Amino acid sequence: MTTTHESAADAASAPEDRRDKVCVIGAGSAGIAMCRSLKIRDIAFDAYERRSELGGLWRYPAQGGKSCAYPALFANTSKTVMQFPSFPMPDDYPDYPHHTQVARYFDSYVDHYGLREHIQLDTEVSRVEQAAGGGWAVTFGDGTTHLYRAVMVASGGRHGLPLFGSYEGKFTGTEMHSYDYEGPADLAGKKVVIIGLGATSADIATEVSRVAEATYLSVRTGHYVVPKILEGGPIDKLSPMMKKLSVEQRRPLVTLMIKLVHGHMSAYGLPDPPYKVGQGPLVASSELLPAIAHGRITAKPVIDTVDGRTVRFSDGTETEADVIIHCTGYKIDYPFLDDTLVGDGDDAPALYHQVVPPETEGLYFIGLLHSMMSLMPLAEFQSEWVGDLLTETVSLPSRAQMWSELRNARRRQDKRFHDSSGHLLVDPNEYERLMADERRKYATTDRTGVGTATRRKG
């Protein structure tokens, strides 16, 4: 016989059926873009954010969790390229806004579209799995479970787990990842080795070099460094002119600009990139190369071994170091999803147009790509497409067609990009056109004139 107490406990643990709604996991840039797409289509949804504030990696310091941001973080693409197409950044923002301004912009975006009431903060999603009766079971940190018709994964899995560089030996100084970097104050007067060449390492190295006794930048693979400012304005002001050109058509112009402004990377002691412009990421920094030219930063090859505080590089040189900072990227990680859905994190999940798992219905990934410019517009384009799929104004091709296109896309990436970043790297202009073409090609209703997310003028 079941007691009253047992019945109450069973009822409390029973999943709550919300299959009239969609679940959005994450309230960073991708998550709020997805929320907007659902809201304007009158699709009922709940959104969950594990931190105490929305904004993802742009919210620093992060309340209720860690963030990839750091005190001196500024955008490395201009506001006109970075902003959501449907909601321009304020006119009084600088060309390259600070992380605090980007976070305020997100707040304005959320309030403008009336999304805040749908977002539940301080809520960790611990498990997402297909429900026996259809839909998806979403389990939270407190053990409760809700059932949803579909799940939007927008929780920044591309920055899931910090990756560290590898070398022989044991370092007895302080070792950290850029994920844990809190600014240069504690590094004053110290000898610092920074590993990696990217937007983050360029920022951290230049900032640290102002206070450290010595700053070394250890680089394995060279990348093209471009200035943030050209002819008095942001370098990506050229984007509208370049938009209609393919990567191959843009290459001679960008190559000439880099040659005229900076010359060869080897002139600064950095390895020359092993690829042509457009076949890998660009590092936007107006400070890194001057800091090297001024002697504040010393470029070095990869670390061969460490022994206590002694760091030996592959060219045979060595230095004493107090701190090593790894700016070496992240491993894709969605701890609430089964590995059969997302793989082991060493490569991107097999997703049609970087969004749809061909074998799984009702699961979508938003923002899981590496744009050569900015993620936010692409997240909004993805969200528009998924919104159309959920309202059935657009359909998906057959599974066989999705798999065929997915394999073809990966072959194109492998051929086109020197390092396809785990098959995540995309050209933003081409991806925008891809999203628009997909919505037209598989429209189930008259979609004349339908394009990407509606662009508003500031």
Protein backbone atom coordinates (compact mmCIF):
# COMPACT_ATOMS: atom_id res chain seq x y z
CA MET A 1 0.00 0.00 0.00
CA THR A 2 1.34 3.44 -0.95
CA THR A 3 1.40 5.94 1.87
CA THR A 4 0.38 9.57 1.51
CA HIS A 5 3.99 10.60 2.14
CA GLU A 6 5.25 8.32 -0.67
CA SER A 7 2.60 9.61 -3.07
CA ALA A 8 3.59 13.20 -2.40
CA ALA A 9 7.27 12.38 -2.95
CA ASP A 10 6.49 10.61 -6.24
CA ALA A 11 4.44 13.58 -7.42
CA ALA A 12 7.23 15.99 -6.52
CA SER A 13 9.78 13.98 -8.53
CA ALA A 14 7.54 13.44 -11.55
CA PRO A 15 8.55 15.48 -14.64
CA GLU A 16 6.47 18.55 -15.31
CA ASP A 17 5.03 18.40 -18.81
CA ARG A 18 5.87 21.61 -20.69
CA ARG A 19 5.81 20.16 -24.18
CA ASP A 20 3.84 23.16 -25.36
CA LYS A 21 7.10 25.08 -24.87
CA VAL A 22 10.66 25.20 -26.13
CA CYS A 23 13.68 25.17 -23.80
CA VAL A 24 16.63 27.51 -24.39
CA ILE A 25 19.84 26.67 -22.50
CA GLY A 26 22.06 29.70 -22.02
CA ALA A 27 21.44 33.45 -21.99
CA GLY A 28 24.60 34.72 -23.64
CA SER A 29 24.63 36.28 -27.10
CA ALA A 30 23.40 33.10 -28.82
CA GLY A 31 20.77 32.35 -26.19
CA ILE A 32 19.14 35.76 -26.23
CA ALA A 33 19.15 35.78 -30.04
CA MET A 34 17.24 32.50 -29.96
CA CYS A 35 14.85 33.89 -27.34
CA ARG A 36 14.10 36.85 -29.60
CA SER A 37 13.36 34.59 -32.55
CA LEU A 38 10.90 32.57 -30.45
CA LYS A 39 9.28 35.66 -28.93
CA ILE A 40 8.54 37.41 -32.22
CA ARG A 41 6.96 34.19 -33.53
CA ASP A 42 4.80 33.73 -30.41
CA ILE A 43 6.48 30.40 -29.62
CA ALA A 44 6.23 29.67 -25.89
CA PHE A 45 9.62 29.08 -24.27
CA ASP A 46 11.64 28.96 -21.06
CA ALA A 47 15.29 29.99 -20.97
CA TYR A 48 17.83 28.96 -18.32
CA GLU A 49 21.14 30.56 -17.40
CA ARG A 50 23.45 29.02 -14.82
CA ARG A 51 25.00 32.35 -13.85
CA SER A 52 23.37 35.15 -11.92
CA GLU A 53 23.37 37.52 -14.90
CA LEU A 54 22.77 37.18 -18.62
CA GLY A 55 25.48 38.03 -21.12
CA GLY A 56 27.70 34.95 -21.20
CA LEU A 57 31.40 35.59 -21.69
CA TRP A 58 30.84 39.36 -21.97
CA ARG A 59 29.73 39.65 -18.35
CA TYR A 60 32.71 40.29 -16.08
CA PRO A 61 33.11 39.70 -13.27
CA ALA A 62 30.77 36.77 -13.68
CA GLN A 63 28.22 36.49 -10.90
CA GLY A 64 27.47 32.88 -10.02
CA GLY A 65 30.15 31.38 -12.26
CA LYS A 66 33.33 31.93 -14.28
CA SER A 67 33.72 33.94 -17.47
CA CYS A 68 36.20 33.95 -20.34
CA ALA A 69 36.34 37.74 -20.08
CA TYR A 70 38.99 39.80 -18.31
CA PRO A 71 39.08 43.42 -17.10
CA ALA A 72 40.69 44.90 -20.23
CA LEU A 73 38.54 43.02 -22.74
CA PHE A 74 37.38 45.11 -25.70
CA ALA A 75 35.65 43.86 -28.83
CA ASN A 76 38.05 42.89 -31.59
CA THR A 77 35.48 43.62 -34.29
CA SER A 78 33.77 46.98 -34.61
CA LYS A 79 30.28 47.56 -33.28
CA THR A 80 28.74 47.78 -36.76
CA VAL A 81 30.02 44.30 -37.59
CA MET A 82 29.52 42.87 -34.12
CA GLN A 83 25.96 44.01 -33.35
CA PHE A 84 22.80 42.01 -33.87
CA PRO A 85 21.32 42.90 -37.29
CA SER A 86 17.90 43.60 -35.75
CA PHE A 87 19.15 45.89 -32.98
CA PRO A 88 22.04 48.33 -33.58
CA MET A 89 24.43 49.32 -30.83
CA PRO A 90 24.03 52.90 -29.53
CA ASP A 91 25.53 55.66 -31.65
CA ASP A 92 27.55 56.93 -28.68
CA TYR A 93 29.37 53.60 -28.26
CA PRO A 94 33.00 53.64 -29.40
CA ASP A 95 33.97 51.68 -32.50
CA TYR A 96 35.35 48.90 -30.29
CA PRO A 97 33.19 48.70 -27.14
CA HIS A 98 34.41 47.54 -23.74
CA HIS A 99 32.94 44.36 -22.28
CA THR A 100 30.82 46.41 -19.85
CA GLN A 101 29.22 48.23 -22.78
CA VAL A 102 28.54 44.99 -24.62
CA ALA A 103 26.88 43.61 -21.48
CA ARG A 104 24.66 46.71 -21.24
CA TYR A 105 23.79 46.30 -24.91
CA PHE A 106 22.63 42.75 -24.18
CA ASP A 107 20.45 44.07 -21.36
CA SER A 108 18.88 46.57 -23.75
CA TYR A 109 18.31 43.86 -26.36
CA VAL A 110 16.60 41.62 -23.82
CA ASP A 111 14.40 44.43 -22.50
CA HIS A 112 13.52 45.73 -25.97
CA TYR A 113 12.12 42.36 -26.99
CA GLY A 114 10.56 41.58 -23.61
CA LEU A 115 12.70 38.49 -23.00
CA ARG A 116 13.67 38.94 -19.35
CA GLU A 117 10.50 37.38 -17.94
CA HIS A 118 11.30 34.17 -19.81
CA ILE A 119 14.89 33.83 -18.53
CA GLN A 120 15.52 32.04 -15.25
CA LEU A 121 18.95 32.83 -13.81
CA ASP A 122 21.00 30.77 -11.32
CA THR A 123 19.64 27.59 -12.86
CA GLU A 124 22.03 24.82 -13.85
CA VAL A 125 20.92 22.26 -16.44
CA SER A 126 22.42 18.92 -15.46
CA ARG A 127 20.91 16.57 -18.03
CA VAL A 128 19.12 16.73 -21.39
CA GLU A 129 17.80 13.52 -22.96
CA GLN A 130 15.03 12.39 -25.25
CA ALA A 131 11.80 11.63 -23.37
CA ALA A 132 10.08 8.29 -23.77
CA GLY A 133 6.78 9.88 -24.76
CA GLY A 134 8.33 12.33 -27.22
CA GLY A 135 10.12 15.62 -26.76
CA TRP A 136 13.00 16.23 -24.40
CA ALA A 137 13.51 15.79 -20.66
CA VAL A 138 15.52 18.62 -19.12
CA THR A 139 16.80 17.96 -15.61
CA PHE A 140 18.13 20.73 -13.37
CA GLY A 141 20.67 20.87 -10.59
CA ASP A 142 18.01 20.51 -7.92
CA GLY A 143 16.81 17.24 -9.46
CA THR A 144 13.58 18.53 -10.97
CA THR A 145 12.76 17.64 -14.58
CA HIS A 146 10.64 19.41 -17.19
CA LEU A 147 9.53 18.02 -20.53
CA TYR A 148 9.86 20.25 -23.62
CA ARG A 149 8.97 19.90 -27.28
CA ALA A 150 12.45 21.02 -28.36
CA VAL A 151 15.75 22.16 -26.86
CA MET A 152 17.98 25.00 -28.07
CA VAL A 153 21.58 24.51 -26.88
CA ALA A 154 23.12 27.99 -26.69
CA SER A 155 25.35 27.66 -23.66
CA GLY A 156 28.72 28.50 -25.17
CA GLY A 157 30.04 24.96 -25.48
CA ARG A 158 32.84 26.15 -27.76
CA HIS A 159 34.43 27.64 -24.63
CA GLY A 160 33.64 24.61 -22.50
CA LEU A 161 36.91 23.29 -21.07
CA PRO A 162 40.22 25.19 -21.09
CA LEU A 163 43.01 23.48 -23.03
CA PHE A 164 46.63 23.74 -21.90
CA GLY A 165 49.76 23.60 -24.00
CA SER A 166 52.03 20.59 -23.52
CA TYR A 167 55.76 20.29 -22.86
CA GLU A 168 58.11 18.09 -20.92
CA GLY A 169 59.08 18.78 -17.35
CA LYS A 170 57.50 20.42 -14.33
CA PHE A 171 57.11 24.16 -13.86
CA THR A 172 57.36 25.31 -10.24
CA GLY A 173 56.12 28.86 -10.80
CA THR A 174 52.52 29.97 -11.29
CA GLU A 175 50.72 28.37 -14.22
CA MET A 176 47.29 29.43 -15.42
CA HIS A 177 44.93 29.49 -18.38
CA SER A 178 43.64 32.74 -19.85
CA TYR A 179 40.27 31.64 -18.45
CA ASP A 180 41.68 32.42 -14.98
CA TYR A 181 43.41 35.68 -15.92
CA GLU A 182 42.22 38.57 -13.73
CA GLY A 183 44.41 41.39 -14.98
CA PRO A 184 48.11 42.33 -14.73
CA ALA A 185 48.27 43.66 -11.17
CA ASP A 186 49.73 40.46 -9.67
CA LEU A 187 52.25 40.16 -12.51
CA ALA A 188 54.05 43.45 -11.91
CA GLY A 189 57.82 43.00 -11.86
CA LYS A 190 57.62 39.33 -12.87
CA LYS A 191 58.88 37.36 -15.84
CA VAL A 192 55.89 36.04 -17.78
CA VAL A 193 55.64 33.57 -20.65
CA ILE A 194 52.40 33.64 -22.64
CA ILE A 195 51.59 30.72 -24.93
CA GLY A 196 49.57 31.10 -28.11
CA LEU A 197 48.80 33.66 -30.79
CA GLY A 198 45.21 34.88 -30.99
CA ALA A 199 43.01 37.78 -29.95
CA THR A 200 43.20 36.82 -26.27
CA SER A 201 46.97 36.32 -26.13
CA ALA A 202 47.50 39.59 -28.02
CA ASP A 203 45.40 41.44 -25.43
CA ILE A 204 46.98 39.78 -22.41
CA ALA A 205 50.56 39.99 -23.67
CA THR A 206 50.35 43.71 -24.42
CA GLU A 207 48.67 44.44 -21.09
CA VAL A 208 51.12 42.34 -19.07
CA SER A 209 54.13 43.83 -20.86
CA ARG A 210 53.36 47.24 -19.38
CA VAL A 211 54.03 46.04 -15.83
CA ALA A 212 56.11 42.86 -16.08
CA GLU A 213 59.88 42.74 -15.90
CA ALA A 214 59.90 40.64 -19.05
CA THR A 215 57.16 39.26 -21.31
CA TYR A 216 57.69 36.38 -23.75
CA LEU A 217 55.17 35.28 -26.37
CA SER A 218 55.60 31.61 -27.30
CA VAL A 219 54.03 30.85 -30.69
CA ARG A 220 53.69 27.55 -32.54
CA THR A 221 51.68 28.62 -35.60
CA GLY A 222 51.85 32.08 -37.10
CA HIS A 223 48.73 34.10 -37.91
CA TYR A 224 48.17 37.35 -39.75
CA VAL A 225 47.93 40.34 -37.43
CA VAL A 226 45.83 43.23 -38.73
CA PRO A 227 45.40 46.71 -37.20
CA LYS A 228 42.09 47.65 -35.64
CA ILE A 229 42.24 51.15 -37.16
CA LEU A 230 42.78 52.00 -40.82
CA GLU A 231 42.53 55.53 -42.23
CA GLY A 232 40.99 56.84 -39.03
CA GLY A 233 38.26 54.23 -38.68
CA PRO A 234 37.76 50.56 -37.77
CA ILE A 235 39.39 48.23 -40.26
CA ASP A 236 36.19 46.29 -40.81
CA LYS A 237 34.54 49.42 -42.20
CA LEU A 238 35.65 47.79 -45.43
CA SER A 239 33.17 44.97 -44.78
CA PRO A 240 30.23 46.46 -46.75
CA MET A 241 32.47 46.82 -49.80
CA MET A 242 33.91 43.34 -49.28
CA LYS A 243 30.57 41.70 -48.54
CA LYS A 244 29.83 40.69 -52.12
CA LEU A 245 33.32 39.33 -52.67
CA SER A 246 34.37 35.78 -51.96
CA VAL A 247 37.32 34.99 -49.71
CA GLU A 248 39.42 34.39 -52.81
CA GLN A 249 38.40 37.75 -54.30
CA ARG A 250 39.13 39.60 -51.06
CA ARG A 251 42.50 37.93 -50.55
CA PRO A 252 44.69 40.21 -52.75
CA LEU A 253 43.25 43.36 -51.15
CA VAL A 254 43.69 42.17 -47.56
CA THR A 255 47.14 40.74 -48.32
CA LEU A 256 48.28 44.06 -49.77
CA MET A 257 46.91 45.96 -46.77
CA ILE A 258 48.79 43.69 -44.32
CA LYS A 259 51.99 44.00 -46.34
CA LEU A 260 51.81 47.79 -46.44
CA VAL A 261 50.90 48.24 -42.76
CA HIS A 262 52.84 45.48 -41.02
CA GLY A 263 55.01 43.65 -43.51
CA HIS A 264 55.92 40.03 -42.82
CA MET A 265 55.25 38.54 -39.40
CA SER A 266 58.79 37.14 -39.38
CA ALA A 267 60.06 40.73 -39.14
CA TYR A 268 58.78 40.68 -35.55
CA GLY A 269 60.25 37.28 -34.69
CA LEU A 270 56.89 35.57 -35.19
CA PRO A 271 56.47 32.61 -37.56
CA ASP A 272 54.96 33.55 -40.90
CA PRO A 273 51.50 31.98 -41.30
CA PRO A 274 51.58 28.64 -43.15
CA TYR A 275 48.48 29.63 -45.13
CA LYS A 276 47.12 32.39 -47.34
CA VAL A 277 44.93 35.23 -46.08
CA GLY A 278 41.38 33.95 -45.66
CA GLN A 279 42.44 30.37 -44.93
CA GLY A 280 42.65 30.97 -41.18
CA PRO A 281 41.75 33.52 -38.51
CA LEU A 282 43.03 37.08 -38.44
CA VAL A 283 44.29 38.59 -35.17
CA ALA A 284 43.04 42.16 -34.82
CA SER A 285 45.43 44.15 -32.64
CA SER A 286 46.93 47.62 -32.93
CA GLU A 287 49.25 47.07 -29.94
CA LEU A 288 50.88 43.65 -30.22
CA LEU A 289 53.38 44.27 -33.01
CA PRO A 290 54.42 47.74 -31.72
CA ALA A 291 55.01 46.19 -28.28
CA ILE A 292 57.29 43.62 -29.90
CA ALA A 293 59.03 46.34 -31.93
CA HIS A 294 59.56 48.34 -28.72
CA GLY A 295 61.07 45.35 -26.93
CA ARG A 296 58.32 45.06 -24.32
CA ILE A 297 57.41 41.63 -25.73
CA THR A 298 59.90 39.06 -27.00
CA ALA A 299 58.59 36.57 -29.54
CA LYS A 300 59.67 32.99 -28.97
CA PRO A 301 58.97 29.59 -30.58
CA VAL A 302 57.22 26.77 -28.75
CA ILE A 303 58.35 25.62 -25.32
CA ASP A 304 60.44 22.46 -25.49
CA THR A 305 60.94 21.71 -21.79
CA VAL A 306 60.60 23.29 -18.36
CA ASP A 307 62.72 22.59 -15.31
CA GLY A 308 61.61 24.39 -12.18
CA ARG A 309 61.54 28.04 -13.21
CA THR A 310 63.67 27.52 -16.33
CA VAL A 311 61.77 27.54 -19.62
CA ARG A 312 63.62 26.22 -22.69
CA PHE A 313 62.32 27.00 -26.17
CA SER A 314 62.69 24.91 -29.30
CA ASP A 315 65.35 27.27 -30.71
CA GLY A 316 67.66 26.39 -27.81
CA THR A 317 67.21 29.64 -25.88
CA GLU A 318 65.95 29.67 -22.32
CA THR A 319 64.70 32.08 -19.70
CA GLU A 320 63.75 32.11 -16.07
CA ALA A 321 60.00 32.64 -15.62
CA ASP A 322 57.68 33.30 -12.71
CA VAL A 323 54.40 32.75 -14.56
CA ILE A 324 53.17 30.83 -17.61
CA ILE A 325 49.79 31.81 -19.09
CA HIS A 326 48.20 29.39 -21.55
CA CYS A 327 46.12 31.20 -24.20
CA THR A 328 45.58 27.91 -25.95
CA GLY A 329 41.85 27.71 -26.51
CA TYR A 330 39.10 25.44 -25.32
CA LYS A 331 37.58 22.04 -25.85
CA ILE A 332 33.92 21.77 -26.84
CA ASP A 333 31.96 20.60 -23.83
CA TYR A 334 28.26 20.08 -23.17
CA PRO A 335 28.27 18.11 -19.90
CA PHE A 336 24.47 17.78 -19.88
CA LEU A 337 24.36 15.95 -23.24
CA ASP A 338 25.28 12.38 -24.03
CA ASP A 339 28.49 11.96 -26.03
CA THR A 340 26.57 10.17 -28.78
CA LEU A 341 24.92 13.53 -29.55
CA VAL A 342 27.98 15.79 -29.46
CA GLY A 343 31.06 13.59 -29.81
CA ASP A 344 34.08 13.67 -27.54
CA GLY A 345 34.86 17.38 -27.87
CA ASP A 346 37.91 16.97 -30.10
CA ASP A 347 35.93 18.05 -33.14
CA ALA A 348 32.67 19.85 -33.80
CA PRO A 349 29.49 17.76 -33.56
CA ALA A 350 28.20 16.54 -36.91
CA LEU A 351 25.58 19.24 -37.51
CA TYR A 352 23.74 20.28 -40.66
CA HIS A 353 24.72 23.92 -41.25
CA GLN A 354 26.33 23.84 -37.78
CA VAL A 355 22.88 23.70 -36.14
CA VAL A 356 20.87 20.50 -36.72
CA PRO A 357 21.92 16.93 -35.77
CA PRO A 358 20.63 14.95 -38.78
CA GLU A 359 19.59 11.94 -36.71
CA THR A 360 17.98 13.79 -33.80
CA GLU A 361 14.70 15.67 -33.89
CA GLY A 362 13.99 18.67 -31.71
CA LEU A 363 17.60 19.48 -30.75
CA TYR A 364 19.34 22.57 -32.13
CA PHE A 365 22.73 24.20 -31.49
CA ILE A 366 22.97 28.00 -31.62
CA GLY A 367 26.30 29.81 -31.74
CA LEU A 368 28.48 26.70 -32.09
CA LEU A 369 30.75 28.04 -34.81
CA HIS A 370 33.87 30.14 -35.22
CA SER A 371 33.19 33.21 -37.31
CA MET A 372 36.09 34.95 -39.02
CA MET A 373 34.43 38.20 -37.89
CA SER A 374 31.76 38.19 -35.18
CA LEU A 375 29.46 35.51 -33.78
CA MET A 376 26.45 37.64 -32.82
CA PRO A 377 24.99 38.32 -36.28
CA LEU A 378 25.39 34.67 -37.24
CA ALA A 379 23.65 33.54 -34.04
CA GLU A 380 20.69 35.73 -34.97
CA PHE A 381 20.63 34.31 -38.52
CA GLN A 382 20.69 30.78 -37.10
CA SER A 383 17.90 31.66 -34.68
CA GLU A 384 15.73 33.04 -37.49
CA TRP A 385 16.12 29.79 -39.41
CA VAL A 386 15.35 27.62 -36.38
CA GLY A 387 12.33 29.80 -35.61
CA ASP A 388 11.05 29.09 -39.12
CA LEU A 389 11.66 25.37 -38.65
CA LEU A 390 9.66 25.36 -35.39
CA THR A 391 6.74 27.19 -37.00
CA GLU A 392 7.01 24.83 -39.99
CA THR A 393 7.22 27.68 -42.47
CA VAL A 394 10.50 26.08 -43.51
CA SER A 395 11.32 22.39 -43.59
CA LEU A 396 14.49 20.36 -43.41
CA PRO A 397 15.72 18.22 -46.31
CA SER A 398 15.86 14.46 -45.91
CA ARG A 399 18.39 12.96 -43.54
CA ALA A 400 20.33 11.60 -46.50
CA GLN A 401 20.49 15.10 -48.01
CA MET A 402 21.60 16.61 -44.70
CA TRP A 403 24.37 14.05 -44.30
CA SER A 404 25.49 14.60 -47.90
CA GLU A 405 25.66 18.38 -47.46
CA LEU A 406 27.38 18.04 -44.07
CA ARG A 407 30.11 15.84 -45.54
CA ASN A 408 30.53 18.14 -48.54
CA ALA A 409 30.78 21.17 -46.25
CA ARG A 410 33.51 19.50 -44.19
CA ARG A 411 35.44 18.57 -47.29
CA ARG A 412 35.24 22.20 -48.42
CA GLN A 413 36.47 23.37 -45.02
CA ASP A 414 39.38 20.91 -45.05
CA LYS A 415 40.36 22.07 -48.52
CA ARG A 416 39.83 25.76 -47.93
CA PHE A 417 41.10 26.43 -44.41
CA HIS A 418 44.55 25.65 -43.10
CA ASP A 419 43.07 24.83 -39.73
CA SER A 420 39.29 24.49 -39.81
CA SER A 421 39.10 24.89 -36.00
CA GLY A 422 37.44 21.53 -35.61
CA HIS A 423 35.16 22.25 -38.60
CA LEU A 424 33.73 25.31 -36.86
CA LEU A 425 35.39 28.07 -38.91
CA VAL A 426 33.08 29.89 -41.33
CA ASP A 427 33.21 32.97 -43.52
CA PRO A 428 30.45 35.20 -42.07
CA ASN A 429 29.28 36.66 -45.37
CA GLU A 430 28.94 33.24 -46.94
CA TYR A 431 27.21 31.83 -43.89
CA GLU A 432 24.68 34.66 -43.89
CA ARG A 433 23.85 33.86 -47.51
CA LEU A 434 23.64 30.17 -46.66
CA MET A 435 21.02 30.84 -43.97
CA ALA A 436 18.98 33.02 -46.34
CA ASP A 437 19.18 30.45 -49.15
CA GLU A 438 18.15 27.64 -46.81
CA ARG A 439 15.03 29.54 -45.71
CA ARG A 440 14.03 30.20 -49.32
CA LYS A 441 14.88 26.79 -50.74
CA TYR A 442 12.89 24.77 -48.20
CA ALA A 443 10.05 27.20 -47.59
CA THR A 444 6.69 25.52 -47.08
CA THR A 445 4.79 28.76 -47.77
CA ASP A 446 5.31 31.73 -50.08
CA ARG A 447 8.56 33.27 -48.81
CA THR A 448 9.12 35.88 -51.49
CA GLY A 449 11.58 38.43 -50.21
CA VAL A 450 12.52 36.48 -47.10
CA GLY A 451 16.17 36.95 -46.20
CA THR A 452 18.20 37.08 -43.05
CA ALA A 453 17.28 38.67 -39.74
CA THR A 454 15.68 42.05 -40.31
CA ARG A 455 18.35 44.74 -40.36
CA ARG A 456 17.51 47.94 -38.58
CA LYS A 457 19.32 51.19 -39.14
CA GLY A 458 20.74 52.96 -36.13
